[in-house]
């Protein structure tokens, strides 16, 4: 796989990208001291290999512990109503929705994404200076444009009011390093423009080895996600539903994607280091176990999964996320996804033997079981890191986004729509283990737009549970606070993890749909203004 080679390249590219890190504006800790000198980055970008190294440096930041590598995995409250944190050491942090302006996880999130942006800006500034094949240059430029845009998307949908930096500061003077916030719409419009340009430059997914690289399908699918976000809260730019529909359909119309017939196989493939680009369109890649000279492992399946001890033959899982009763009952008893997403067993002592739970029992203490170390391919499972990849975009998500975007498109004809229904039902059929192309007993039959929208919301939860999308979905639907309060009202008083569930769901308030600008950033960038309520 590419991932091992990519990491070795990343080790080599540290000198190339350190200039980007040094030139960071309001997100780097060195800004509270006076820099004495800067690396002359313009002497580095001399050939295609060095451009590739710099591009790898952008990818690697997304895989870092501040983001997908660790903190996203159960420690930033992203599961919303589907699960809750039980890691006592994370109390009084965003993991339990105790959000403050000084939260280290939120600061790390902000800083790391601006490192992605800084590195992408540095690469884009220099990409045209290298004498190389024009088409190949376009691939690199397109991937860098997308990665910068994706970083901005992750920022704007959490903080809303953020600085939009599109170039490398010429000096370290405060006038260049301290940048005011742009409006959310301005940032979103730039994200859309950059992703559209990237889609014309990058390769189709059939031309790469797997989902670890940005491809046309990845760009168009994430662009559909961005457009749905713009159409929802707080912008409510409803014409973006049509854009979301268009870009989801572009992915579908490539003819390069198909649902994996078995739901559990998707996640077993991530553990076994097997590419499945028909289903897995864009994924964060990991390799090794963080021992030796070259590695880039994460904590997928270690932070969240079914608990196992440090001495277990399957590898340690601290299992910091437990499912909710609400999540369990979203599934009907014939839905095969239920007992995969929400584990129906525990491991016996330090063995790989399983103790199964009775159906309908222990709903509040079941583990999020989507990513499982028992299938992981690794020379050593003794450490805290895993080589399990993590999905950013799957084909099932594209099908559900198309159904939602088409349903909500104000320009469509009202009433039943066969295409949207069929794409929706393909996901349901696979969830119930039937042929995705053959209508059957598990199909949803359209009754009304309102009911279909409710079904789409529930189906997204069933299909994409614990893939870091639920909080953002609830926020853009304007449902986050009400839904979290509702789940809080259902926490049983006799449940062993009651204090954790009550903290997780009870701490949410109206202002929490937006995260605060980190206090540290406001301290070093005097042009930043704190979000309302913080």
Protein backbone atom coordinates (compact mmCIF):
# COMPACT_ATOMS: atom_id res chain seq x y z
CA UNK A 1 0.00 0.00 0.00
CA UNK A 2 0.95 3.61 -0.51
CA UNK A 3 0.76 4.46 3.15
CA UNK A 4 4.14 3.06 4.17
CA UNK A 5 5.88 4.76 1.29
CA UNK A 6 4.00 7.97 1.96
CA UNK A 7 5.16 8.04 5.53
CA UNK A 8 8.79 7.51 4.60
CA UNK A 9 8.40 10.39 2.18
CA UNK A 10 6.90 12.43 4.97
CA UNK A 11 9.93 11.78 7.14
CA UNK A 12 12.05 13.10 4.32
CA UNK A 13 9.85 16.14 3.78
CA UNK A 14 10.11 17.61 7.26
CA UNK A 15 12.66 20.14 6.10
CA UNK A 16 10.40 21.02 3.23
CA UNK A 17 7.34 21.72 5.31
CA UNK A 18 8.95 23.21 8.41
CA UNK A 19 8.94 26.55 6.66
CA UNK A 20 5.17 26.31 6.41
CA UNK A 21 4.93 25.54 10.10
CA UNK A 22 7.28 28.42 10.95
CA UNK A 23 5.28 30.81 8.84
CA UNK A 24 2.05 30.05 10.64
CA UNK A 25 0.03 33.03 11.66
CA UNK A 26 -2.31 33.04 14.65
CA UNK A 27 -2.15 29.33 15.31
CA UNK A 28 1.45 28.67 16.26
CA UNK A 29 2.89 28.88 19.73
CA UNK A 30 6.04 30.65 18.58
CA UNK A 31 4.02 33.80 17.90
CA UNK A 32 4.37 34.96 21.47
CA UNK A 33 8.11 35.38 20.94
CA UNK A 34 10.01 37.36 18.36
CA UNK A 35 11.25 35.09 15.55
CA UNK A 36 14.91 35.56 14.74
CA UNK A 37 15.07 34.00 11.30
CA UNK A 38 13.08 31.94 8.81
CA UNK A 39 14.03 28.96 6.67
CA UNK A 40 14.38 29.94 3.03
CA UNK A 41 11.65 27.63 1.79
CA UNK A 42 11.89 28.93 -1.78
CA UNK A 43 15.19 27.05 -2.14
CA UNK A 44 13.51 23.71 -1.48
CA UNK A 45 10.87 23.37 -4.21
CA UNK A 46 13.15 22.37 -7.05
CA UNK A 47 11.60 19.19 -8.50
CA UNK A 48 8.54 16.96 -8.59
CA UNK A 49 9.77 14.74 -5.78
CA UNK A 50 10.00 17.69 -3.40
CA UNK A 51 6.47 18.80 -4.34
CA UNK A 52 5.25 15.28 -3.55
CA UNK A 53 7.03 15.39 -0.20
CA UNK A 54 5.35 18.68 0.66
CA UNK A 55 1.95 17.29 -0.37
CA UNK A 56 2.48 14.27 1.89
CA UNK A 57 3.19 16.72 4.70
CA UNK A 58 -0.33 18.12 4.24
CA UNK A 59 -1.93 14.68 4.35
CA UNK A 60 0.00 13.69 7.44
CA UNK A 61 -1.43 16.57 9.46
CA UNK A 62 -4.97 15.25 9.03
CA UNK A 63 -3.78 11.93 10.45
CA UNK A 64 -2.19 13.57 13.50
CA UNK A 65 -3.25 12.95 17.11
CA UNK A 66 -4.96 16.34 17.30
CA UNK A 67 -7.37 15.21 14.59
CA UNK A 68 -8.23 11.78 13.20
CA UNK A 69 -5.31 10.01 14.85
CA UNK A 70 -6.57 10.34 18.41
CA UNK A 71 -8.75 13.24 19.55
CA UNK A 72 -11.49 12.67 16.97
CA UNK A 73 -11.72 9.09 18.18
CA UNK A 74 -14.20 9.53 21.02
CA UNK A 75 -12.60 12.51 22.72
CA UNK A 76 -14.29 15.54 21.14
CA UNK A 77 -18.00 14.88 21.61
CA UNK A 78 -18.64 14.14 17.94
CA UNK A 79 -20.89 11.10 18.50
CA UNK A 80 -23.65 13.40 19.80
CA UNK A 81 -26.81 11.41 20.64
CA UNK A 82 -25.39 8.03 19.59
CA UNK A 83 -22.84 7.58 22.34
CA UNK A 84 -21.17 9.15 25.35
CA UNK A 85 -17.66 9.29 26.77
CA UNK A 86 -16.72 7.27 29.85
CA UNK A 87 -13.05 8.27 30.08
CA UNK A 88 -12.74 9.87 33.51
CA UNK A 89 -9.49 11.65 32.61
CA UNK A 90 -11.39 13.59 29.94
CA UNK A 91 -13.90 15.03 32.39
CA UNK A 92 -14.25 18.83 32.24
CA UNK A 93 -13.21 18.90 28.57
CA UNK A 94 -14.98 18.95 25.22
CA UNK A 95 -15.12 15.13 25.47
CA UNK A 96 -17.91 15.61 28.00
CA UNK A 97 -19.24 18.77 26.36
CA UNK A 98 -17.71 20.86 29.14
CA UNK A 99 -16.43 23.38 26.65
CA UNK A 100 -14.23 26.29 27.66
CA UNK A 101 -12.12 28.84 25.80
CA UNK A 102 -9.00 27.17 27.20
CA UNK A 103 -9.82 23.58 26.19
CA UNK A 104 -6.58 21.97 24.99
CA UNK A 105 -8.35 19.65 22.54
CA UNK A 106 -10.14 22.51 20.83
CA UNK A 107 -6.92 24.50 20.66
CA UNK A 108 -5.12 21.51 19.15
CA UNK A 109 -7.92 21.12 16.59
CA UNK A 110 -7.63 24.79 15.54
CA UNK A 111 -3.83 24.81 15.40
CA UNK A 112 -3.44 21.55 13.52
CA UNK A 113 -5.91 22.51 10.82
CA UNK A 114 -4.14 25.80 10.31
CA UNK A 115 -0.91 23.85 9.89
CA UNK A 116 -2.64 21.95 7.05
CA UNK A 117 -3.62 25.30 5.56
CA UNK A 118 -0.15 26.77 6.00
CA UNK A 119 1.52 23.81 4.33
CA UNK A 120 -0.99 23.82 1.48
CA UNK A 121 -0.46 27.57 0.97
CA UNK A 122 3.28 27.06 0.82
CA UNK A 123 2.92 24.26 -1.72
CA UNK A 124 0.44 26.19 -3.87
CA UNK A 125 2.76 29.20 -3.89
CA UNK A 126 5.59 27.09 -5.32
CA UNK A 127 3.89 24.42 -7.42
CA UNK A 128 4.17 26.34 -10.68
CA UNK A 129 7.91 26.95 -10.27
CA UNK A 130 8.90 23.35 -10.96
CA UNK A 131 9.61 22.19 -14.49
CA UNK A 132 7.49 19.04 -14.80
CA UNK A 133 4.62 17.40 -16.64
CA UNK A 134 1.67 19.81 -16.64
CA UNK A 135 -0.93 17.14 -15.92
CA UNK A 136 1.06 15.76 -13.00
CA UNK A 137 1.47 19.28 -11.65
CA UNK A 138 -2.30 19.63 -11.85
CA UNK A 139 -2.78 16.52 -9.70
CA UNK A 140 -0.56 17.96 -6.97
CA UNK A 141 -2.18 21.38 -7.14
CA UNK A 142 -5.66 19.88 -7.06
CA UNK A 143 -4.94 17.72 -4.02
CA UNK A 144 -3.40 20.68 -2.18
CA UNK A 145 -6.39 22.88 -3.01
CA UNK A 146 -8.75 20.23 -1.70
CA UNK A 147 -6.81 19.60 1.50
CA UNK A 148 -6.73 23.32 2.27
CA UNK A 149 -10.45 23.61 1.55
CA UNK A 150 -11.25 20.56 3.68
CA UNK A 151 -9.29 22.02 6.59
CA UNK A 152 -11.27 25.23 6.27
CA UNK A 153 -14.50 23.22 6.20
CA UNK A 154 -13.60 21.46 9.45
CA UNK A 155 -12.85 24.86 10.98
CA UNK A 156 -15.81 26.88 9.75
CA UNK A 157 -18.44 24.31 10.69
CA UNK A 158 -17.18 24.30 14.28
CA UNK A 159 -16.06 27.91 14.88
CA UNK A 160 -17.93 29.74 12.05
CA UNK A 161 -15.91 32.95 12.38
CA UNK A 162 -12.34 32.20 11.32
CA UNK A 163 -9.43 33.90 9.54
CA UNK A 164 -9.23 33.03 5.84
CA UNK A 165 -5.55 32.92 4.86
CA UNK A 166 -4.75 32.05 1.26
CA UNK A 167 -1.07 32.99 0.92
CA UNK A 168 2.26 32.68 2.71
CA UNK A 169 3.06 35.73 4.88
CA UNK A 170 6.03 37.57 3.32
CA UNK A 171 7.51 38.41 6.72
CA UNK A 172 6.90 37.73 10.38
CA UNK A 173 5.60 41.25 10.99
CA UNK A 174 2.33 41.34 12.99
CA UNK A 175 0.49 42.98 10.08
CA UNK A 176 0.87 39.71 8.17
CA UNK A 177 0.51 37.26 11.05
CA UNK A 178 -2.54 38.82 12.70
CA UNK A 179 -5.53 38.34 10.44
CA UNK A 180 -9.16 39.24 11.10
CA UNK A 181 -12.00 36.75 10.76
CA UNK A 182 -14.03 36.39 7.60
CA UNK A 183 -17.77 35.76 7.55
CA UNK A 184 -18.81 32.09 7.45
CA UNK A 185 -20.38 32.55 4.02
CA UNK A 186 -17.16 34.03 2.63
CA UNK A 187 -15.19 31.05 3.89
CA UNK A 188 -17.75 28.56 2.57
CA UNK A 189 -17.78 30.21 -0.85
CA UNK A 190 -14.01 29.90 -1.06
CA UNK A 191 -14.19 26.26 0.02
CA UNK A 192 -16.67 25.55 -2.78
CA UNK A 193 -14.59 27.42 -5.37
CA UNK A 194 -11.39 25.62 -4.42
CA UNK A 195 -13.05 22.21 -4.38
CA UNK A 196 -14.61 22.82 -7.78
CA UNK A 197 -11.20 23.73 -9.18
CA UNK A 198 -9.64 20.71 -7.48
CA UNK A 199 -12.25 18.41 -9.03
CA UNK A 200 -11.10 19.47 -12.50
CA UNK A 201 -7.45 18.74 -11.66
CA UNK A 202 -7.24 15.54 -9.63
CA UNK A 203 -7.41 11.98 -10.92
CA UNK A 204 -10.44 9.70 -11.05
CA UNK A 205 -10.40 7.08 -8.31
CA UNK A 206 -9.76 4.37 -10.90
CA UNK A 207 -6.30 5.87 -11.50
CA UNK A 208 -5.07 5.50 -7.91
CA UNK A 209 -4.52 2.53 -5.66
CA UNK A 210 -7.18 3.33 -3.07
CA UNK A 211 -8.95 5.83 -0.89
CA UNK A 212 -5.87 7.35 0.72
CA UNK A 213 -5.44 9.90 -2.08
CA UNK A 214 -7.77 12.76 -3.00
CA UNK A 215 -9.61 11.90 -6.22
CA UNK A 216 -12.48 13.33 -8.20
CA UNK A 217 -14.96 11.14 -6.33
CA UNK A 218 -13.59 12.36 -2.98
CA UNK A 219 -13.72 16.01 -4.04
CA UNK A 220 -17.24 15.80 -5.41
CA UNK A 221 -18.54 13.78 -2.45
CA UNK A 222 -17.11 16.14 0.15
CA UNK A 223 -18.34 19.08 -1.93
CA UNK A 224 -21.86 17.65 -1.61
CA UNK A 225 -21.31 17.55 2.18
CA UNK A 226 -20.13 21.18 2.18
CA UNK A 227 -23.16 22.28 0.16
CA UNK A 228 -25.55 20.51 2.54
CA UNK A 229 -23.84 22.30 5.42
CA UNK A 230 -24.36 25.65 3.69
CA UNK A 231 -28.02 24.84 3.02
CA UNK A 232 -28.62 24.13 6.72
CA UNK A 233 -27.99 26.07 9.89
CA UNK A 234 -26.83 28.77 10.28
CA UNK A 235 -26.53 30.04 6.68
CA UNK A 236 -29.71 28.46 5.24
CA UNK A 237 -28.63 29.07 1.64
CA UNK A 238 -31.25 26.69 0.30
CA UNK A 239 -30.12 26.87 -3.32
CA UNK A 240 -27.10 24.86 -2.19
CA UNK A 241 -29.33 21.78 -1.99
CA UNK A 242 -29.30 21.73 -5.79
CA UNK A 243 -25.50 21.98 -5.74
CA UNK A 244 -25.27 19.13 -3.24
CA UNK A 245 -27.53 17.00 -5.42
CA UNK A 246 -25.40 17.77 -8.48
CA UNK A 247 -22.13 16.77 -6.87
CA UNK A 248 -23.47 13.64 -5.20
CA UNK A 249 -24.85 12.59 -8.59
CA UNK A 250 -21.47 13.19 -10.24
CA UNK A 251 -19.99 10.58 -7.92
CA UNK A 252 -22.80 8.15 -8.65
CA UNK A 253 -22.56 8.72 -12.40
CA UNK A 254 -18.86 7.82 -12.53
CA UNK A 255 -19.93 4.20 -12.42
CA UNK A 256 -16.84 3.51 -10.30
CA UNK A 257 -18.62 2.95 -7.00
CA UNK A 258 -20.83 0.28 -5.50
CA UNK A 259 -21.90 -0.65 -1.99
CA UNK A 260 -19.89 -3.47 -0.47
CA UNK A 261 -22.42 -6.31 -0.21
CA UNK A 262 -21.53 -6.92 3.46
CA UNK A 263 -21.57 -4.04 5.91
CA UNK A 264 -19.07 -5.55 8.33
CA UNK A 265 -16.60 -6.16 5.51
CA UNK A 266 -16.13 -2.41 5.08
CA UNK A 267 -14.63 -2.09 8.55
CA UNK A 268 -12.79 -5.39 8.50
CA UNK A 269 -11.06 -4.07 5.38
CA UNK A 270 -9.95 -0.96 7.26
CA UNK A 271 -8.44 -3.19 9.92
CA UNK A 272 -6.79 -5.54 7.44
CA UNK A 273 -5.27 -2.76 5.34
CA UNK A 274 -7.36 -3.66 2.29
CA UNK A 275 -8.45 -0.96 -0.14
CA UNK A 276 -12.08 -1.00 -1.28
CA UNK A 277 -12.38 2.17 -3.40
CA UNK A 278 -15.83 1.25 -4.67
CA UNK A 279 -17.17 1.78 -1.14
CA UNK A 280 -14.41 3.72 0.66
CA UNK A 281 -13.87 6.89 -1.36
CA UNK A 282 -11.57 8.82 0.98
CA UNK A 283 -9.89 7.49 4.11
CA UNK A 284 -7.19 8.49 6.57
CA UNK A 285 -4.35 5.99 6.33
CA UNK A 286 -2.26 4.57 9.14
CA UNK A 287 0.68 2.19 9.17
CA UNK A 288 2.82 0.44 11.75
CA UNK A 289 2.51 0.46 15.53
CA UNK A 290 4.60 3.52 16.44
CA UNK A 291 7.70 1.46 17.11
CA UNK A 292 10.86 1.42 15.05
CA UNK A 293 12.12 4.10 12.70
CA UNK A 294 9.27 4.57 10.23
CA UNK A 295 5.64 4.49 11.33
CA UNK A 296 2.47 6.50 11.30
CA UNK A 297 -0.06 4.73 13.49
CA UNK A 298 -3.24 6.10 15.01
CA UNK A 299 -5.71 5.06 17.68
CA UNK A 300 -8.64 3.91 15.58
CA UNK A 301 -10.03 0.85 17.35
CA UNK A 302 -7.96 1.60 20.42
CA UNK A 303 -9.90 4.61 21.71
CA UNK A 304 -13.25 3.33 20.53
CA UNK A 305 -14.17 -0.31 20.15
CA UNK A 306 -14.96 -3.24 22.41
CA UNK A 307 -12.88 -3.12 25.58
CA UNK A 308 -9.83 -5.34 25.81
CA UNK A 309 -6.89 -5.23 28.16
CA UNK A 310 -3.29 -4.32 27.45
CA UNK A 311 -2.40 -8.03 27.57
CA UNK A 312 -5.18 -9.14 25.25
CA UNK A 313 -4.17 -11.09 22.11
CA UNK A 314 -6.36 -8.79 20.01
CA UNK A 315 -4.63 -5.65 21.31
CA UNK A 316 -5.68 -3.08 23.89
CA UNK A 317 -8.87 -1.06 23.49
CA UNK A 318 -9.77 1.45 26.19
CA UNK A 319 -13.30 1.73 24.74
CA UNK A 320 -14.13 5.24 25.86
CA UNK A 321 -17.47 5.44 24.00
CA UNK A 322 -20.61 3.62 25.10
CA UNK A 323 -23.73 3.55 22.97
CA UNK A 324 -27.06 5.05 23.98
CA UNK A 325 -30.40 3.32 24.23
CA UNK A 326 -31.57 5.73 21.51
CA UNK A 327 -28.85 4.52 19.14
CA UNK A 328 -29.66 0.86 19.79
CA UNK A 329 -33.37 1.30 19.08
CA UNK A 330 -32.82 3.18 15.82
CA UNK A 331 -32.23 -0.26 14.31
CA UNK A 332 -34.87 -2.92 13.81
CA UNK A 333 -33.99 -6.46 14.89
CA UNK A 334 -33.27 -7.53 11.30
CA UNK A 335 -30.76 -4.75 10.70
CA UNK A 336 -27.31 -6.35 10.63
CA UNK A 337 -25.65 -3.01 11.30
CA UNK A 338 -26.95 -2.83 14.86
CA UNK A 339 -24.78 -5.54 16.39
CA UNK A 340 -21.77 -4.41 14.41
CA UNK A 341 -21.96 -0.70 15.28
CA UNK A 342 -23.03 -1.44 18.85
CA UNK A 343 -21.15 -4.45 20.13
CA UNK A 344 -23.32 -7.26 21.48
CA UNK A 345 -20.54 -8.95 23.44
CA UNK A 346 -17.61 -8.39 25.76
CA UNK A 347 -14.27 -10.17 25.75
CA UNK A 348 -13.63 -12.66 28.55
CA UNK A 349 -10.69 -11.56 30.72
CA UNK A 350 -7.48 -11.36 28.63
CA UNK A 351 -8.69 -13.70 25.91
CA UNK A 352 -10.37 -13.37 22.54
CA UNK A 353 -13.36 -15.39 23.77
CA UNK A 354 -16.68 -13.55 23.66
CA UNK A 355 -19.51 -13.31 26.14
CA UNK A 356 -22.65 -12.37 24.19
CA UNK A 357 -25.44 -10.22 25.59
CA UNK A 358 -29.12 -10.99 25.26
CA UNK A 359 -30.97 -8.95 22.65
CA UNK A 360 -32.36 -5.74 24.13
CA UNK A 361 -30.22 -5.88 27.27
CA UNK A 362 -27.51 -3.56 28.56
CA UNK A 363 -28.19 -0.89 25.94
CA UNK A 364 -26.51 1.92 27.88
CA UNK A 365 -23.31 0.03 28.59
CA UNK A 366 -22.67 -1.55 25.20
CA UNK A 367 -19.52 -0.42 23.43
CA UNK A 368 -19.27 1.30 20.09
CA UNK A 369 -18.00 -1.69 18.13
CA UNK A 370 -17.55 -0.38 14.60
CA UNK A 371 -13.74 -0.53 14.53
CA UNK A 372 -12.38 -3.79 15.94
CA UNK A 373 -8.76 -4.67 16.64
CA UNK A 374 -9.39 -8.41 16.41
CA UNK A 375 -9.14 -8.08 12.61
CA UNK A 376 -6.13 -5.78 12.65
CA UNK A 377 -3.05 -6.86 10.72
CA UNK A 378 -0.04 -5.96 12.82
CA UNK A 379 3.26 -7.49 13.88
CA UNK A 380 2.64 -6.27 17.41
CA UNK A 381 -0.55 -5.41 19.24
CA UNK A 382 1.09 -4.65 22.55
CA UNK A 383 1.20 -0.88 22.12
CA UNK A 384 -1.34 1.90 22.21
CA UNK A 385 -1.39 2.52 18.44
CA UNK A 386 -3.13 0.78 15.55
CA UNK A 387 -2.79 0.63 11.77
CA UNK A 388 -6.56 0.75 11.20
CA UNK A 389 -7.63 3.28 8.57
CA UNK A 390 -10.55 5.64 9.13
CA UNK A 391 -13.27 6.58 6.61
CA UNK A 392 -13.81 10.23 5.73
CA UNK A 393 -16.24 9.52 2.89
CA UNK A 394 -18.05 6.30 1.95
CA UNK A 395 -20.32 5.64 -1.02
CA UNK A 396 -23.29 4.98 1.26
CA UNK A 397 -22.94 8.55 2.53
CA UNK A 398 -23.01 9.84 -1.07
CA UNK A 399 -26.25 7.95 -1.76
CA UNK A 400 -27.88 9.32 1.39
CA UNK A 401 -26.66 12.85 0.63
CA UNK A 402 -28.19 12.64 -2.82
CA UNK A 403 -31.54 11.52 -1.36
CA UNK A 404 -31.52 14.38 1.18
CA UNK A 405 -30.36 17.04 -1.26
CA UNK A 406 -32.92 16.03 -3.86
CA UNK A 407 -35.72 15.90 -1.32
CA UNK A 408 -34.86 19.37 0.02
CA UNK A 409 -34.11 20.97 -3.36
CA UNK A 410 -36.70 23.76 -3.63
CA UNK A 411 -36.70 23.45 -7.43
CA UNK A 412 -37.75 19.80 -7.60
CA UNK A 413 -41.26 18.60 -8.32
CA UNK A 414 -43.05 17.70 -5.10
CA UNK A 415 -44.03 14.14 -4.38
CA UNK A 416 -42.43 10.75 -4.68
CA UNK A 417 -39.13 10.49 -6.54
CA UNK A 418 -37.98 7.07 -7.66
CA UNK A 419 -34.25 7.85 -7.94
CA UNK A 420 -33.91 9.36 -4.47
CA UNK A 421 -35.96 6.54 -2.97
CA UNK A 422 -33.94 3.88 -4.74
CA UNK A 423 -30.57 5.28 -3.60
CA UNK A 424 -31.92 5.50 -0.06
CA UNK A 425 -33.26 1.94 -0.19
CA UNK A 426 -30.01 0.57 -1.57
CA UNK A 427 -28.40 1.54 1.73
CA UNK A 428 -31.26 0.01 3.73
CA UNK A 429 -31.12 -3.23 1.74
CA UNK A 430 -27.41 -3.65 2.36
CA UNK A 431 -27.99 -2.96 6.06
CA UNK A 432 -30.44 -5.86 6.14
CA UNK A 433 -28.19 -8.20 4.18
CA UNK A 434 -30.22 -8.30 0.96
CA UNK A 435 -29.26 -7.55 -2.65
CA UNK A 436 -28.91 -3.77 -2.97
CA UNK A 437 -30.39 -3.79 -6.47
CA UNK A 438 -33.50 -5.85 -5.71
CA UNK A 439 -36.51 -4.19 -4.03
CA UNK A 440 -37.77 -6.11 -1.04
CA UNK A 441 -39.48 -6.17 2.31
CA UNK A 442 -37.09 -3.73 3.98
CA UNK A 443 -37.61 -0.92 1.49
CA UNK A 444 -39.04 2.36 2.73
CA UNK A 445 -42.21 3.40 0.90
CA UNK A 446 -42.66 7.12 0.46
CA UNK A 447 -45.54 8.70 2.40
CA UNK A 448 -44.64 12.38 2.60
CA UNK A 449 -41.63 14.65 2.31
CA UNK A 450 -41.62 15.24 6.06
CA UNK A 451 -41.65 11.55 6.90
CA UNK A 452 -39.00 10.77 4.28
CA UNK A 453 -36.73 13.46 5.72
CA UNK A 454 -37.09 11.92 9.17
CA UNK A 455 -36.20 8.54 7.70
CA UNK A 456 -33.12 9.99 6.02
CA UNK A 457 -31.98 11.47 9.34
CA UNK A 458 -32.40 8.13 11.08
CA UNK A 459 -30.77 6.21 8.24
CA UNK A 460 -27.72 8.44 8.36
CA UNK A 461 -27.42 7.64 12.06
CA UNK A 462 -27.78 3.91 11.45
CA UNK A 463 -25.37 3.74 8.54
CA UNK A 464 -22.74 6.28 9.60
CA UNK A 465 -22.78 5.82 13.37
CA UNK A 466 -19.47 6.70 15.08
CA UNK A 467 -17.91 8.00 11.86
CA UNK A 468 -17.71 11.56 13.29
CA UNK A 469 -20.61 13.00 11.28
CA UNK A 470 -23.55 12.91 13.70
CA UNK A 471 -22.86 16.14 15.62
CA UNK A 472 -22.47 18.14 12.41
CA UNK A 473 -25.64 16.61 10.98
CA UNK A 474 -27.69 17.56 14.03
CA UNK A 475 -26.26 21.09 14.04
CA UNK A 476 -27.04 21.75 10.38
CA UNK A 477 -30.56 20.37 10.89
CA UNK A 478 -31.04 22.75 13.84
CA UNK A 479 -31.70 19.80 16.17
CA UNK A 480 -28.54 19.48 18.25
CA UNK A 481 -29.55 21.11 21.53
CA UNK A 482 -33.06 19.67 21.63
CA UNK A 483 -31.83 16.19 20.79
CA UNK A 484 -29.08 16.23 23.40
CA UNK A 485 -31.54 17.43 26.05
CA UNK A 486 -33.93 14.66 25.06
CA UNK A 487 -31.24 11.98 25.43
CA UNK A 488 -30.32 13.46 28.80
CA UNK A 489 -33.91 12.96 29.96
CA UNK A 490 -33.69 9.24 29.16
CA UNK A 491 -30.52 8.44 31.15
CA UNK A 492 -31.51 5.77 33.72
CA UNK A 493 -30.71 6.66 37.32
CA UNK A 494 -29.59 3.12 38.13
CA UNK A 495 -27.11 2.85 35.27
CA UNK A 496 -23.49 2.20 36.28
CA UNK A 497 -22.18 4.96 34.00
CA UNK A 498 -24.91 7.42 34.99
CA UNK A 499 -22.58 10.23 36.05
CA UNK A 500 -20.76 10.12 32.73
CA UNK A 501 -23.92 10.07 30.62
CA UNK A 502 -25.46 12.87 32.68
CA UNK A 503 -22.31 14.95 32.29
CA UNK A 504 -22.03 14.31 28.55
CA UNK A 505 -25.64 15.12 27.70
CA UNK A 506 -26.40 17.51 30.55
CA UNK A 507 -23.55 19.92 29.82
CA UNK A 508 -24.89 20.98 26.42
CA UNK A 509 -26.32 24.48 26.14
CA UNK A 510 -27.56 26.62 23.25
CA UNK A 511 -24.17 28.21 22.60
CA UNK A 512 -22.48 24.83 22.06
CA UNK A 513 -23.50 24.60 18.41
CA UNK A 514 -20.41 26.80 17.94
CA UNK A 515 -17.08 26.20 19.62
CA UNK A 516 -15.27 29.16 21.18
CA UNK A 517 -12.25 30.70 19.52
CA UNK A 518 -9.36 29.37 21.68
CA UNK A 519 -8.29 31.95 24.26
CA UNK A 520 -4.66 31.39 23.35
CA UNK A 521 -5.34 32.39 19.74
CA UNK A 522 -7.11 35.56 20.83
CA UNK A 523 -4.07 36.31 22.97
CA UNK A 524 -1.65 36.16 20.05
CA UNK A 525 -3.96 37.53 17.32
CA UNK A 526 -5.47 40.80 18.52
CA UNK A 527 -7.82 40.95 15.52
CA UNK A 528 -9.82 37.90 16.60
CA UNK A 529 -13.25 38.42 18.18
CA UNK A 530 -14.73 35.77 20.45
CA UNK A 531 -17.90 33.96 19.34
CA UNK A 532 -21.20 35.00 20.91
CA UNK A 533 -21.84 33.44 24.29
CA UNK A 534 -18.20 32.68 25.04
